[in-house]
Amino acid sequence: MKQKTHKALSKRVKITATGKVLKRTAGQDHFNSREPGKVTRNKRSDKPFAAAKKKTLKALLPNTNIT
């Protein structure tokens, strides 16, 4: 049977040319004025998924170059 892409996950992640999977940093929507500037700056960048999730990501996103 043909494997299908998990659409909810594919809309939330970006796969780089080298095969890394990036996600948006959590906690950016509200209550950010109370955060220190260092935290606010760190929230602007995307974060990579943990290596332990690689097997799950490959199953949910077939036909991608996840390394």
Protein backbone atom coordinates (compact mmCIF):
# COMPACT_ATOMS: atom_id res chain seq x y z
CA MET A 1 0.00 0.00 0.00
CA LYS A 2 1.20 3.47 -0.84
CA GLN A 3 2.48 5.56 2.07
CA LYS A 4 0.83 8.92 2.55
CA THR A 5 2.34 12.12 3.90
CA HIS A 6 1.09 13.33 7.28
CA LYS A 7 -0.25 16.70 6.14
CA ALA A 8 -0.50 18.30 9.60
CA LEU A 9 3.19 17.66 10.23
CA SER A 10 4.29 18.66 6.74
CA LYS A 11 2.68 22.09 7.23
CA ARG A 12 4.51 22.63 10.52
CA VAL A 13 8.05 21.63 9.57
CA LYS A 14 10.66 22.60 7.03
CA ILE A 15 13.17 20.13 5.65
CA THR A 16 16.49 21.69 4.71
CA ALA A 17 18.61 20.70 1.73
CA THR A 18 20.93 18.75 4.04
CA GLY A 19 17.99 16.80 5.50
CA LYS A 20 17.53 18.52 8.85
CA VAL A 21 13.94 18.99 10.06
CA LEU A 22 13.20 22.42 11.55
CA LYS A 23 10.18 23.46 13.62
CA ARG A 24 8.92 26.78 14.91
CA THR A 25 9.95 27.63 18.46
CA ALA A 26 7.12 27.14 20.94
CA GLY A 27 5.62 29.95 23.00
CA GLN A 28 5.75 32.89 20.58
CA ASP A 29 2.09 33.87 20.47
CA HIS A 30 1.47 35.85 23.66
CA PHE A 31 2.90 36.73 27.10
CA ASN A 32 6.22 37.61 25.48
CA SER A 33 6.66 41.05 27.07
CA ARG A 34 7.54 39.41 30.40
CA GLU A 35 10.34 37.38 28.82
CA PRO A 36 13.93 38.62 28.96
CA GLY A 37 15.37 39.94 25.71
CA LYS A 38 17.62 36.93 25.37
CA VAL A 39 14.62 34.58 25.33
CA THR A 40 12.75 36.79 22.85
CA ARG A 41 15.71 36.74 20.46
CA ASN A 42 16.09 32.97 20.77
CA LYS A 43 12.41 32.47 19.95
CA ARG A 44 12.88 34.12 16.55
CA SER A 45 14.93 31.22 15.19
CA ASP A 46 13.62 27.80 14.19
CA LYS A 47 14.73 24.79 16.20
CA PRO A 48 15.76 21.36 14.88
CA PHE A 49 13.94 18.20 15.95
CA ALA A 50 15.68 15.86 18.37
CA ALA A 51 17.58 12.93 16.86
CA ALA A 52 15.31 10.53 18.77
CA LYS A 53 12.35 11.61 16.60
CA LYS A 54 14.08 10.71 13.30
CA LYS A 55 12.37 7.32 12.91
CA THR A 56 8.92 8.81 13.54
CA LEU A 57 9.54 11.70 11.14
CA LYS A 58 10.64 9.32 8.38
CA ALA A 59 7.44 7.32 8.80
CA LEU A 60 5.19 10.39 8.76
CA LEU A 61 7.01 12.11 5.89
CA PRO A 62 7.88 9.49 3.27
CA ASN A 63 9.59 10.52 0.03
CA THR A 64 11.73 13.15 1.80
CA ASN A 65 15.47 13.34 2.31
CA ILE A 66 15.50 13.25 6.14
CA THR A 67 18.96 12.26 7.36
